[in-house]
Amino acid sequence: MSLWQEYLTRKLVFESHPSLNEKHCLNHLQTRHPCTACIDICPENVFSMPHPGSMETDWDLCTDCGLCVSICPARAVSPARLQAEKLYACASHCTGDIIISCKSGSVSDLTLENPGAIPWELLCFLALQGIVTIVTGSCPDCEKKTCRSSLDQTLAQTRAFLGDEMYRSRIHCTQDPASLPSRLYTRREAMSLALRRTGRTASA
């Protein structure tokens, strides 16, 4: 592979898939207690450990669900640029209550392939701005069952940071779209919501 081809390949991976910095990986820093967090959470078997202290990845299998990013205890897995920009845009524009859903959920302010992929730090930031409601589909019936375990871990870390009282008042997780909190929309938000609903109806 030429240098130019390697550059384009790396850029494409960085744009659309997470990336692993092995220097920060716990398995590179020590081998006594192997960490298999990314291996266990990945539904596509992107990660493997041929031998202690060595990690291998096959990004061709990656669907950019982002679960490996949120689960890594050492933050050795960085999100794809496109995913990072989406989350940053959400955080930078959030000034109040927000609704987050997976693709099997309802219309929301932020739709993610897997809500379990949202970093707990971002969830805490959003909770400090207003009420965060997370709408999921039927998790027991979902083919990506690891998403729920990642979401539960994210919620536990969020609770530990915010404290029980603020967590209960600011973080809500439901499978029932009918239980969503009522909210007032600006004219721009209402138009955007209508267009998204129209688009989903047309594509159905």
N, C-alpha and C. Protein backbone atom coordinates (compact mmCIF):
# COMPACT_ATOMS: atom_id res chain seq x y z
N MET A 1 0.84 -1.19 0.00
CA MET A 1 0.00 0.00 0.00
C MET A 1 0.88 1.25 0.00
N SER A 2 0.61 2.18 -0.92
CA SER A 2 1.40 3.40 -0.99
C SER A 2 1.06 4.31 0.18
N LEU A 3 1.92 5.32 0.41
CA LEU A 3 1.67 6.26 1.49
C LEU A 3 0.36 7.00 1.27
N TRP A 4 0.07 7.34 0.01
CA TRP A 4 -1.16 8.07 -0.30
C TRP A 4 -2.39 7.20 -0.02
N GLN A 5 -2.32 5.93 -0.42
CA GLN A 5 -3.42 5.01 -0.15
C GLN A 5 -3.61 4.79 1.35
N GLU A 6 -2.49 4.69 2.06
CA GLU A 6 -2.57 4.51 3.51
C GLU A 6 -3.19 5.73 4.17
N TYR A 7 -2.83 6.93 3.69
CA TYR A 7 -3.39 8.16 4.23
C TYR A 7 -4.91 8.20 4.02
N LEU A 8 -5.34 7.88 2.80
CA LEU A 8 -6.77 7.91 2.49
C LEU A 8 -7.53 6.87 3.31
N THR A 9 -6.91 5.70 3.48
CA THR A 9 -7.55 4.65 4.26
C THR A 9 -7.71 5.08 5.71
N ARG A 10 -6.64 5.64 6.29
CA ARG A 10 -6.71 6.10 7.68
C ARG A 10 -7.72 7.23 7.84
N LYS A 11 -7.78 8.13 6.86
CA LYS A 11 -8.71 9.25 6.93
C LYS A 11 -10.15 8.75 6.87
N LEU A 12 -10.39 7.77 5.98
CA LEU A 12 -11.73 7.21 5.86
C LEU A 12 -12.15 6.53 7.16
N VAL A 13 -11.24 5.78 7.75
CA VAL A 13 -11.54 5.11 9.02
C VAL A 13 -11.82 6.14 10.10
N PHE A 14 -11.01 7.20 10.16
CA PHE A 14 -11.19 8.23 11.18
C PHE A 14 -12.52 8.94 11.01
N GLU A 15 -12.95 9.13 9.73
CA GLU A 15 -14.19 9.83 9.46
C GLU A 15 -15.40 9.00 9.90
N SER A 16 -15.39 7.70 9.59
CA SER A 16 -16.59 6.89 9.73
C SER A 16 -16.54 5.83 10.82
N HIS A 17 -15.38 5.57 11.39
CA HIS A 17 -15.26 4.54 12.41
C HIS A 17 -14.43 5.05 13.58
N PRO A 18 -14.63 4.48 14.77
CA PRO A 18 -13.76 4.83 15.90
C PRO A 18 -12.32 4.43 15.61
N SER A 19 -11.42 4.88 16.45
CA SER A 19 -10.01 4.51 16.30
C SER A 19 -9.45 4.13 17.67
N LEU A 20 -8.52 3.18 17.66
CA LEU A 20 -7.93 2.68 18.90
C LEU A 20 -6.51 3.19 19.05
N ASN A 21 -6.25 3.86 20.17
CA ASN A 21 -4.90 4.31 20.49
C ASN A 21 -4.30 3.28 21.46
N GLU A 22 -3.51 2.38 20.92
CA GLU A 22 -3.00 1.27 21.73
C GLU A 22 -2.11 1.73 22.87
N LYS A 23 -1.48 2.89 22.75
CA LYS A 23 -0.61 3.38 23.81
C LYS A 23 -1.40 3.69 25.08
N HIS A 24 -2.69 4.01 24.92
CA HIS A 24 -3.53 4.31 26.08
C HIS A 24 -4.32 3.10 26.56
N CYS A 25 -4.30 2.04 25.78
CA CYS A 25 -5.05 0.83 26.12
C CYS A 25 -4.48 0.18 27.38
N LEU A 26 -5.36 -0.24 28.28
CA LEU A 26 -4.91 -0.88 29.52
C LEU A 26 -4.11 -2.15 29.24
N ASN A 27 -4.42 -2.83 28.16
CA ASN A 27 -3.70 -4.06 27.83
C ASN A 27 -2.28 -3.79 27.36
N HIS A 28 -2.04 -2.57 26.89
CA HIS A 28 -0.68 -2.18 26.51
C HIS A 28 0.11 -1.76 27.75
N LEU A 29 -0.59 -1.18 28.73
CA LEU A 29 0.07 -0.68 29.93
C LEU A 29 0.36 -1.79 30.94
N GLN A 30 -0.45 -2.84 30.92
CA GLN A 30 -0.25 -3.96 31.86
C GLN A 30 -0.88 -5.21 31.27
N THR A 31 -0.42 -6.36 31.70
CA THR A 31 -0.95 -7.63 31.18
C THR A 31 -1.47 -8.55 32.28
N ARG A 32 -1.32 -8.13 33.53
CA ARG A 32 -1.75 -8.99 34.64
C ARG A 32 -3.26 -9.14 34.67
N HIS A 33 -3.96 -8.04 34.41
CA HIS A 33 -5.43 -8.06 34.44
C HIS A 33 -5.95 -7.62 33.08
N PRO A 34 -6.08 -8.53 32.13
CA PRO A 34 -6.54 -8.18 30.78
C PRO A 34 -7.90 -7.50 30.79
N CYS A 35 -8.03 -6.44 30.02
CA CYS A 35 -9.31 -5.75 29.87
C CYS A 35 -9.96 -6.21 28.57
N THR A 36 -11.18 -6.68 28.66
CA THR A 36 -11.89 -7.15 27.47
C THR A 36 -13.18 -6.37 27.24
N ALA A 37 -13.24 -5.15 27.76
CA ALA A 37 -14.47 -4.36 27.68
C ALA A 37 -14.93 -4.16 26.24
N CYS A 38 -14.02 -3.74 25.36
CA CYS A 38 -14.40 -3.48 23.97
C CYS A 38 -14.73 -4.78 23.25
N ILE A 39 -14.01 -5.85 23.57
CA ILE A 39 -14.27 -7.15 22.95
C ILE A 39 -15.66 -7.66 23.33
N ASP A 40 -16.01 -7.51 24.60
CA ASP A 40 -17.29 -8.02 25.10
C ASP A 40 -18.47 -7.21 24.58
N ILE A 41 -18.29 -5.89 24.42
CA ILE A 41 -19.42 -5.02 24.06
C ILE A 41 -19.67 -4.97 22.57
N CYS A 42 -18.66 -5.21 21.75
CA CYS A 42 -18.79 -5.04 20.30
C CYS A 42 -19.67 -6.14 19.69
N PRO A 43 -20.79 -5.76 19.05
CA PRO A 43 -21.68 -6.77 18.46
C PRO A 43 -21.15 -7.34 17.15
N GLU A 44 -20.10 -6.73 16.59
CA GLU A 44 -19.58 -7.16 15.29
C GLU A 44 -18.22 -7.85 15.38
N ASN A 45 -17.71 -8.06 16.59
CA ASN A 45 -16.41 -8.73 16.79
C ASN A 45 -15.26 -8.01 16.09
N VAL A 46 -15.25 -6.68 16.20
CA VAL A 46 -14.18 -5.88 15.60
C VAL A 46 -12.87 -6.07 16.35
N PHE A 47 -12.96 -6.23 17.67
CA PHE A 47 -11.76 -6.29 18.52
C PHE A 47 -11.40 -7.74 18.86
N SER A 48 -10.11 -7.97 18.95
CA SER A 48 -9.62 -9.28 19.37
C SER A 48 -8.29 -9.12 20.08
N MET A 49 -7.93 -10.10 20.90
CA MET A 49 -6.68 -10.07 21.63
C MET A 49 -5.93 -11.38 21.34
N PRO A 50 -5.05 -11.37 20.32
CA PRO A 50 -4.32 -12.59 19.94
C PRO A 50 -3.50 -13.16 21.09
N HIS A 51 -2.90 -12.25 21.86
CA HIS A 51 -2.14 -12.67 23.04
C HIS A 51 -2.10 -11.51 24.01
N PRO A 52 -1.84 -11.74 25.29
CA PRO A 52 -1.86 -10.68 26.30
C PRO A 52 -1.00 -9.48 25.90
N GLY A 53 -1.59 -8.29 26.02
CA GLY A 53 -0.86 -7.06 25.70
C GLY A 53 -0.97 -6.63 24.26
N SER A 54 -1.67 -7.40 23.44
CA SER A 54 -1.79 -7.08 22.02
C SER A 54 -3.26 -7.03 21.61
N MET A 55 -3.66 -5.92 20.98
CA MET A 55 -5.03 -5.78 20.50
C MET A 55 -5.02 -5.68 18.98
N GLU A 56 -5.98 -6.33 18.36
CA GLU A 56 -6.14 -6.23 16.91
C GLU A 56 -7.56 -5.79 16.60
N THR A 57 -7.71 -5.04 15.50
CA THR A 57 -9.03 -4.55 15.10
C THR A 57 -9.26 -4.82 13.63
N ASP A 58 -10.49 -5.10 13.29
CA ASP A 58 -10.90 -5.26 11.89
C ASP A 58 -12.03 -4.27 11.63
N TRP A 59 -11.63 -3.06 11.22
CA TRP A 59 -12.62 -2.00 11.05
C TRP A 59 -13.57 -2.25 9.89
N ASP A 60 -13.25 -3.20 9.02
CA ASP A 60 -14.18 -3.53 7.93
C ASP A 60 -15.49 -4.09 8.48
N LEU A 61 -15.43 -4.64 9.67
CA LEU A 61 -16.64 -5.20 10.29
C LEU A 61 -17.44 -4.16 11.06
N CYS A 62 -16.84 -3.01 11.31
CA CYS A 62 -17.44 -1.98 12.17
C CYS A 62 -18.67 -1.33 11.53
N THR A 63 -19.72 -1.15 12.32
CA THR A 63 -20.92 -0.45 11.87
C THR A 63 -21.05 0.92 12.54
N ASP A 64 -20.01 1.33 13.26
CA ASP A 64 -19.97 2.63 13.94
C ASP A 64 -21.11 2.79 14.95
N CYS A 65 -21.35 1.75 15.73
CA CYS A 65 -22.37 1.86 16.77
C CYS A 65 -21.88 2.72 17.93
N GLY A 66 -20.56 2.79 18.12
CA GLY A 66 -19.99 3.66 19.15
C GLY A 66 -19.95 3.07 20.54
N LEU A 67 -20.38 1.83 20.71
CA LEU A 67 -20.40 1.24 22.05
C LEU A 67 -19.01 1.09 22.64
N CYS A 68 -18.03 0.78 21.79
CA CYS A 68 -16.66 0.61 22.28
C CYS A 68 -16.10 1.91 22.84
N VAL A 69 -16.55 3.03 22.29
CA VAL A 69 -16.06 4.34 22.74
C VAL A 69 -16.50 4.61 24.17
N SER A 70 -17.78 4.34 24.45
CA SER A 70 -18.33 4.65 25.77
C SER A 70 -17.89 3.65 26.83
N ILE A 71 -17.57 2.41 26.42
CA ILE A 71 -17.27 1.37 27.40
C ILE A 71 -15.82 1.35 27.82
N CYS A 72 -14.91 1.89 27.00
CA CYS A 72 -13.48 1.81 27.30
C CYS A 72 -13.13 2.59 28.56
N PRO A 73 -12.61 1.93 29.60
CA PRO A 73 -12.31 2.62 30.86
C PRO A 73 -11.13 3.58 30.76
N ALA A 74 -10.27 3.38 29.75
CA ALA A 74 -9.09 4.23 29.60
C ALA A 74 -9.27 5.28 28.52
N ARG A 75 -10.46 5.32 27.91
CA ARG A 75 -10.72 6.24 26.80
C ARG A 75 -9.68 6.07 25.70
N ALA A 76 -9.30 4.82 25.46
CA ALA A 76 -8.32 4.53 24.40
C ALA A 76 -8.99 4.44 23.03
N VAL A 77 -10.31 4.34 23.02
CA VAL A 77 -11.04 4.28 21.76
C VAL A 77 -11.70 5.64 21.52
N SER A 78 -11.32 6.28 20.44
CA SER A 78 -11.85 7.60 20.10
C SER A 78 -13.01 7.45 19.12
N PRO A 79 -14.03 8.31 19.24
CA PRO A 79 -15.17 8.19 18.33
C PRO A 79 -14.82 8.61 16.92
N ALA A 80 -15.61 8.14 15.97
CA ALA A 80 -15.47 8.61 14.60
C ALA A 80 -15.74 10.11 14.57
N ARG A 81 -15.08 10.81 13.68
CA ARG A 81 -15.24 12.27 13.63
C ARG A 81 -16.70 12.66 13.40
N LEU A 82 -17.39 11.94 12.52
CA LEU A 82 -18.78 12.27 12.22
C LEU A 82 -19.66 12.10 13.45
N GLN A 83 -19.42 11.04 14.21
CA GLN A 83 -20.19 10.81 15.43
C GLN A 83 -19.85 11.85 16.49
N ALA A 84 -18.57 12.19 16.61
CA ALA A 84 -18.14 13.18 17.59
C ALA A 84 -18.76 14.54 17.29
N GLU A 85 -18.79 14.91 16.01
CA GLU A 85 -19.37 16.20 15.63
C GLU A 85 -20.87 16.24 15.92
N LYS A 86 -21.53 15.10 15.72
CA LYS A 86 -22.97 15.04 16.00
C LYS A 86 -23.25 15.26 17.48
N LEU A 87 -22.46 14.61 18.33
CA LEU A 87 -22.65 14.76 19.77
C LEU A 87 -22.27 16.16 20.23
N TYR A 88 -21.19 16.72 19.65
CA TYR A 88 -20.75 18.07 20.02
C TYR A 88 -21.81 19.10 19.63
N ALA A 89 -22.38 18.93 18.44
CA ALA A 89 -23.41 19.86 17.99
C ALA A 89 -24.62 19.82 18.92
N CYS A 90 -24.96 18.62 19.37
CA CYS A 90 -26.08 18.47 20.30
C CYS A 90 -25.79 19.20 21.61
N ALA A 91 -24.58 19.01 22.13
CA ALA A 91 -24.21 19.63 23.40
C ALA A 91 -24.14 21.14 23.29
N SER A 92 -23.61 21.64 22.19
CA SER A 92 -23.42 23.08 22.03
C SER A 92 -24.73 23.83 21.84
N HIS A 93 -25.77 23.14 21.35
CA HIS A 93 -27.04 23.80 21.10
C HIS A 93 -28.07 23.52 22.20
N CYS A 94 -27.73 22.65 23.12
CA CYS A 94 -28.69 22.29 24.17
C CYS A 94 -28.77 23.39 25.23
N THR A 95 -29.96 23.93 25.43
CA THR A 95 -30.14 24.96 26.45
C THR A 95 -31.29 24.61 27.41
N GLY A 96 -31.80 23.40 27.30
CA GLY A 96 -32.92 23.01 28.16
C GLY A 96 -33.16 21.52 28.08
N ASP A 97 -34.43 21.13 28.19
CA ASP A 97 -34.78 19.71 28.14
C ASP A 97 -34.44 19.11 26.78
N ILE A 98 -34.12 17.82 26.78
CA ILE A 98 -33.75 17.15 25.54
C ILE A 98 -34.26 15.71 25.56
N ILE A 99 -34.66 15.23 24.39
CA ILE A 99 -35.12 13.85 24.23
C ILE A 99 -34.14 13.12 23.33
N ILE A 100 -33.64 11.99 23.82
CA ILE A 100 -32.70 11.16 23.06
C ILE A 100 -33.36 9.81 22.80
N SER A 101 -33.23 9.30 21.59
CA SER A 101 -33.83 8.00 21.31
C SER A 101 -32.94 7.18 20.39
N CYS A 102 -33.16 5.87 20.40
CA CYS A 102 -32.52 5.01 19.42
C CYS A 102 -33.39 5.02 18.18
N LYS A 103 -32.96 4.34 17.14
CA LYS A 103 -33.71 4.36 15.88
C LYS A 103 -35.06 3.66 16.00
N SER A 104 -35.21 2.83 17.01
CA SER A 104 -36.50 2.16 17.20
C SER A 104 -37.42 2.96 18.12
N GLY A 105 -36.91 4.09 18.61
CA GLY A 105 -37.71 4.94 19.48
C GLY A 105 -38.54 5.94 18.69
N SER A 106 -38.93 7.04 19.32
CA SER A 106 -39.79 8.02 18.68
C SER A 106 -38.96 9.18 18.15
N VAL A 107 -39.66 10.16 17.58
CA VAL A 107 -38.99 11.37 17.12
C VAL A 107 -38.35 12.06 18.31
N SER A 108 -37.13 12.51 18.16
CA SER A 108 -36.41 13.09 19.30
C SER A 108 -35.50 14.21 18.84
N ASP A 109 -34.86 14.84 19.81
CA ASP A 109 -33.88 15.89 19.50
C ASP A 109 -32.58 15.28 19.01
N LEU A 110 -32.25 14.10 19.51
CA LEU A 110 -31.01 13.42 19.13
C LEU A 110 -31.29 11.94 18.95
N THR A 111 -31.13 11.45 17.73
CA THR A 111 -31.34 10.04 17.44
C THR A 111 -29.99 9.36 17.27
N LEU A 112 -29.77 8.31 18.04
CA LEU A 112 -28.51 7.57 17.99
C LEU A 112 -28.77 6.13 17.59
N GLU A 113 -27.83 5.54 16.90
CA GLU A 113 -27.92 4.12 16.56
C GLU A 113 -28.05 3.30 17.84
N ASN A 114 -27.27 3.69 18.85
CA ASN A 114 -27.29 3.01 20.15
C ASN A 114 -27.17 4.05 21.26
N PRO A 115 -28.22 4.30 22.04
CA PRO A 115 -28.11 5.25 23.15
C PRO A 115 -27.03 4.87 24.15
N GLY A 116 -26.69 3.59 24.21
CA GLY A 116 -25.63 3.15 25.10
C GLY A 116 -24.28 3.69 24.72
N ALA A 117 -24.18 4.28 23.52
CA ALA A 117 -22.91 4.81 23.06
C ALA A 117 -22.65 6.24 23.51
N ILE A 118 -23.64 6.88 24.11
CA ILE A 118 -23.44 8.26 24.54
C ILE A 118 -22.53 8.29 25.77
N PRO A 119 -21.48 9.11 25.75
CA PRO A 119 -20.57 9.18 26.90
C PRO A 119 -21.29 9.69 28.15
N TRP A 120 -20.96 9.13 29.30
CA TRP A 120 -21.63 9.55 30.52
C TRP A 120 -21.33 11.01 30.84
N GLU A 121 -20.15 11.48 30.43
CA GLU A 121 -19.81 12.89 30.68
C GLU A 121 -20.76 13.82 29.93
N LEU A 122 -21.10 13.44 28.69
CA LEU A 122 -22.03 14.25 27.90
C LEU A 122 -23.43 14.19 28.51
N LEU A 123 -23.81 13.02 28.98
CA LEU A 123 -25.13 12.88 29.61
C LEU A 123 -25.23 13.76 30.85
N CYS A 124 -24.16 13.82 31.62
CA CYS A 124 -24.13 14.70 32.80
C CYS A 124 -24.24 16.16 32.38
N PHE A 125 -23.52 16.54 31.34
CA PHE A 125 -23.57 17.93 30.85
C PHE A 125 -24.99 18.29 30.44
N LEU A 126 -25.64 17.41 29.70
CA LEU A 126 -27.01 17.67 29.25
C LEU A 126 -27.96 17.75 30.43
N ALA A 127 -27.74 16.91 31.45
CA ALA A 127 -28.60 16.91 32.63
C ALA A 127 -28.47 18.20 33.42
N LEU A 128 -27.32 18.82 33.36
CA LEU A 128 -27.13 20.09 34.05
C LEU A 128 -27.85 21.23 33.33
N GLN A 129 -28.23 21.00 32.07
CA GLN A 129 -28.95 22.02 31.31
C GLN A 129 -30.46 21.87 31.45
N GLY A 130 -30.92 20.65 31.70
CA GLY A 130 -32.36 20.41 31.79
C GLY A 130 -32.65 18.92 31.96
N ILE A 131 -33.90 18.55 31.73
CA ILE A 131 -34.32 17.15 31.88
C ILE A 131 -33.93 16.36 30.63
N VAL A 132 -33.30 15.21 30.84
CA VAL A 132 -32.90 14.34 29.73
C VAL A 132 -33.79 13.10 29.75
N THR A 133 -34.53 12.90 28.66
CA THR A 133 -35.38 11.72 28.53
C THR A 133 -34.81 10.82 27.45
N ILE A 134 -34.55 9.57 27.80
CA ILE A 134 -33.99 8.60 26.86
C ILE A 134 -35.09 7.60 26.51
N VAL A 135 -35.44 7.54 25.23
CA VAL A 135 -36.48 6.64 24.76
C VAL A 135 -35.83 5.49 24.00
N THR A 136 -36.07 4.28 24.45
CA THR A 136 -35.52 3.11 23.77
C THR A 136 -36.65 2.27 23.20
N GLY A 137 -36.30 1.35 22.34
CA GLY A 137 -37.27 0.38 21.87
C GLY A 137 -37.39 -0.72 22.91
N SER A 138 -37.81 -1.88 22.49
CA SER A 138 -37.89 -3.03 23.40
C SER A 138 -36.51 -3.66 23.49
N CYS A 139 -35.75 -3.30 24.50
CA CYS A 139 -34.36 -3.75 24.63
C CYS A 139 -34.22 -5.28 24.64
N PRO A 140 -35.10 -6.03 25.35
CA PRO A 140 -34.93 -7.49 25.35
C PRO A 140 -35.07 -8.11 23.96
N ASP A 141 -35.80 -7.43 23.06
CA ASP A 141 -36.01 -7.97 21.71
C ASP A 141 -35.01 -7.43 20.70
N CYS A 142 -34.15 -6.52 21.13
CA CYS A 142 -33.20 -5.88 20.21
C CYS A 142 -32.05 -6.83 19.90
N GLU A 143 -31.61 -6.82 18.64
CA GLU A 143 -30.50 -7.69 18.25
C GLU A 143 -29.18 -7.22 18.84
N LYS A 144 -29.10 -5.93 19.18
CA LYS A 144 -27.87 -5.40 19.77
C LYS A 144 -28.06 -5.30 21.29
N LYS A 145 -28.06 -6.45 21.94
CA LYS A 145 -28.34 -6.51 23.37
C LYS A 145 -27.25 -5.84 24.20
N THR A 146 -26.04 -5.75 23.64
CA THR A 146 -24.96 -5.12 24.40
C THR A 146 -25.20 -3.63 24.58
N CYS A 147 -26.06 -3.04 23.74
CA CYS A 147 -26.36 -1.61 23.86
C CYS A 147 -26.98 -1.32 25.22
N ARG A 148 -27.90 -2.18 25.66
CA ARG A 148 -28.58 -1.94 26.94
C ARG A 148 -27.62 -2.04 28.10
N SER A 149 -26.72 -3.01 28.07
CA SER A 149 -25.76 -3.14 29.16
C SER A 149 -24.84 -1.92 29.21
N SER A 150 -24.48 -1.39 28.04
CA SER A 150 -23.65 -0.19 28.00
C SER A 150 -24.43 1.02 28.52
N LEU A 151 -25.71 1.11 28.14
CA LEU A 151 -26.54 2.22 28.62
C LEU A 151 -26.70 2.15 30.13
N ASP A 152 -26.91 0.96 30.67
CA ASP A 152 -27.05 0.81 32.12
C ASP A 152 -25.77 1.26 32.84
N GLN A 153 -24.62 0.95 32.26
CA GLN A 153 -23.36 1.37 32.87
C GLN A 153 -23.20 2.88 32.79
N THR A 154 -23.60 3.45 31.65
CA THR A 154 -23.54 4.90 31.49
C THR A 154 -24.44 5.60 32.50
N LEU A 155 -25.64 5.07 32.69
CA LEU A 155 -26.58 5.65 33.64
C LEU A 155 -26.05 5.54 35.07
N ALA A 156 -25.38 4.43 35.39
CA ALA A 156 -24.81 4.26 36.73
C ALA A 156 -23.71 5.28 36.98
N GLN A 157 -22.87 5.52 35.98
CA GLN A 157 -21.81 6.51 36.12
C GLN A 157 -22.39 7.92 36.23
N THR A 158 -23.46 8.16 35.48
CA THR A 158 -24.13 9.46 35.54
C THR A 158 -24.73 9.69 36.92
N ARG A 159 -25.36 8.67 37.48
CA ARG A 159 -25.95 8.77 38.81
C ARG A 159 -24.88 9.05 39.87
N ALA A 160 -23.73 8.37 39.73
CA ALA A 160 -22.64 8.55 40.69
C ALA A 160 -22.13 9.99 40.65
N PHE A 161 -22.11 10.60 39.47
CA PHE A 161 -21.61 11.97 39.34
C PHE A 161 -22.64 12.99 39.81
N LEU A 162 -23.89 12.82 39.40
CA LEU A 162 -24.92 13.81 39.72
C LEU A 162 -25.46 13.67 41.14
N GLY A 163 -25.40 12.47 41.68
CA GLY A 163 -26.04 12.21 42.97
C GLY A 163 -27.47 11.74 42.74
N ASP A 164 -28.01 10.99 43.69
CA ASP A 164 -29.33 10.38 43.51
C ASP A 164 -30.44 11.39 43.28
N GLU A 165 -30.43 12.49 44.04
CA GLU A 165 -31.54 13.45 43.94
C GLU A 165 -31.59 14.11 42.57
N MET A 166 -30.47 14.63 42.09
CA MET A 166 -30.46 15.28 40.79
C MET A 166 -30.69 14.26 39.67
N TYR A 167 -30.13 13.07 39.84
CA TYR A 167 -30.31 12.04 38.82
C TYR A 167 -31.79 11.72 38.64
N ARG A 168 -32.50 11.52 39.74
CA ARG A 168 -33.92 11.17 39.65
C ARG A 168 -34.75 12.29 39.04
N SER A 169 -34.34 13.53 39.25
CA SER A 169 -35.12 14.65 38.74
C SER A 169 -34.75 15.03 37.31
N ARG A 170 -33.57 14.64 36.86
CA ARG A 170 -33.11 15.09 35.54
C ARG A 170 -32.98 13.99 34.49
N ILE A 171 -32.86 12.73 34.90
CA ILE A 171 -32.65 11.64 33.94
C ILE A 171 -33.85 10.69 33.97
N HIS A 172 -34.48 10.51 32.81
CA HIS A 172 -35.61 9.59 32.69
C HIS A 172 -35.37 8.66 31.51
N CYS A 173 -35.62 7.38 31.72
CA CYS A 173 -35.43 6.37 30.67
C CYS A 173 -36.73 5.60 30.52
N THR A 174 -37.26 5.52 29.30
CA THR A 174 -38.55 4.88 29.08
C THR A 174 -38.60 4.17 27.73
N GLN A 175 -39.48 3.20 27.62
CA GLN A 175 -39.76 2.54 26.35
C GLN A 175 -41.10 3.00 25.79
N ASP A 176 -41.80 3.85 26.54
CA ASP A 176 -43.14 4.30 26.15
C ASP A 176 -43.10 5.74 25.66
N PRO A 177 -43.20 5.97 24.35
CA PRO A 177 -43.18 7.35 23.82
C PRO A 177 -44.31 8.21 24.38
N ALA A 178 -45.42 7.57 24.80
CA ALA A 178 -46.55 8.33 25.33
C ALA A 178 -46.21 9.00 26.66
N SER A 179 -45.16 8.52 27.31
CA SER A 179 -44.78 9.09 28.60
C SER A 179 -43.83 10.27 28.47
N LEU A 180 -43.52 10.66 27.23
CA LEU A 180 -42.60 11.77 27.03
C LEU A 180 -43.16 13.04 27.64
N PRO A 181 -42.30 13.87 28.24
CA PRO A 181 -42.77 15.12 28.83
C PRO A 181 -43.25 16.08 27.76
N SER A 182 -44.31 16.82 28.07
CA SER A 182 -44.79 17.83 27.12
C SER A 182 -43.81 18.98 27.11
N ARG A 183 -43.69 19.63 25.96
CA ARG A 183 -42.76 20.74 25.86
C ARG A 183 -43.27 21.73 24.83
N LEU A 184 -42.83 22.95 24.96
CA LEU A 184 -43.19 23.99 24.00
C LEU A 184 -42.07 24.13 22.99
N TYR A 185 -42.45 24.24 21.72
CA TYR A 185 -41.46 24.34 20.65
C TYR A 185 -41.46 25.76 20.08
N THR A 186 -40.27 26.22 19.71
CA THR A 186 -40.18 27.46 18.96
C THR A 186 -40.69 27.18 17.55
N ARG A 187 -40.92 28.23 16.77
CA ARG A 187 -41.40 28.04 15.41
C ARG A 187 -40.41 27.22 14.59
N ARG A 188 -39.11 27.49 14.77
CA ARG A 188 -38.09 26.76 14.02
C ARG A 188 -38.07 25.29 14.43
N GLU A 189 -38.18 25.01 15.74
CA GLU A 189 -38.19 23.63 16.22
C GLU A 189 -39.41 22.88 15.70
N ALA A 190 -40.57 23.54 15.71
CA ALA A 190 -41.79 22.90 15.24
C ALA A 190 -41.69 22.55 13.76
N MET A 191 -41.13 23.47 12.97
CA MET A 191 -40.96 23.21 11.54
C MET A 191 -40.00 22.05 11.31
N SER A 192 -38.89 22.04 12.06
CA SER A 192 -37.90 20.97 11.93
C SER A 192 -38.52 19.63 12.30
N LEU A 193 -39.31 19.60 13.36
CA LEU A 193 -39.96 18.37 13.80
C LEU A 193 -40.94 17.87 12.75
N ALA A 194 -41.71 18.80 12.15
CA ALA A 194 -42.68 18.42 11.13
C ALA A 194 -41.98 17.84 9.90
N LEU A 195 -40.87 18.46 9.51
CA LEU A 195 -40.13 17.97 8.35
C LEU A 195 -39.56 16.58 8.60
N ARG A 196 -39.04 16.35 9.82
CA ARG A 196 -38.49 15.04 10.14
C ARG A 196 -39.58 13.98 10.11
N ARG A 197 -40.75 14.32 10.65
CA ARG A 197 -41.85 13.36 10.65
C ARG A 197 -42.31 13.06 9.23
N THR A 198 -42.39 14.12 8.40
CA THR A 198 -42.79 13.94 7.01
C THR A 198 -41.79 13.05 6.28
N GLY A 199 -40.50 13.28 6.53
CA GLY A 199 -39.46 12.49 5.89
C GLY A 199 -39.54 11.04 6.28
N ARG A 200 -39.81 10.78 7.57
CA ARG A 200 -39.90 9.39 8.03
C ARG A 200 -41.12 8.71 7.42
N THR A 201 -42.24 9.47 7.29
CA THR A 201 -43.44 8.89 6.71
C THR A 201 -43.23 8.55 5.25
N ALA A 202 -42.53 9.46 4.53
CA ALA A 202 -42.30 9.25 3.11
C ALA A 202 -41.39 8.07 2.84
N SER A 203 -40.44 7.84 3.75
CA SER A 203 -39.47 6.76 3.55
C SER A 203 -39.98 5.42 4.05
N ALA A 204 -41.10 5.43 4.78
CA ALA A 204 -41.64 4.19 5.34
C ALA A 204 -42.27 3.30 4.26
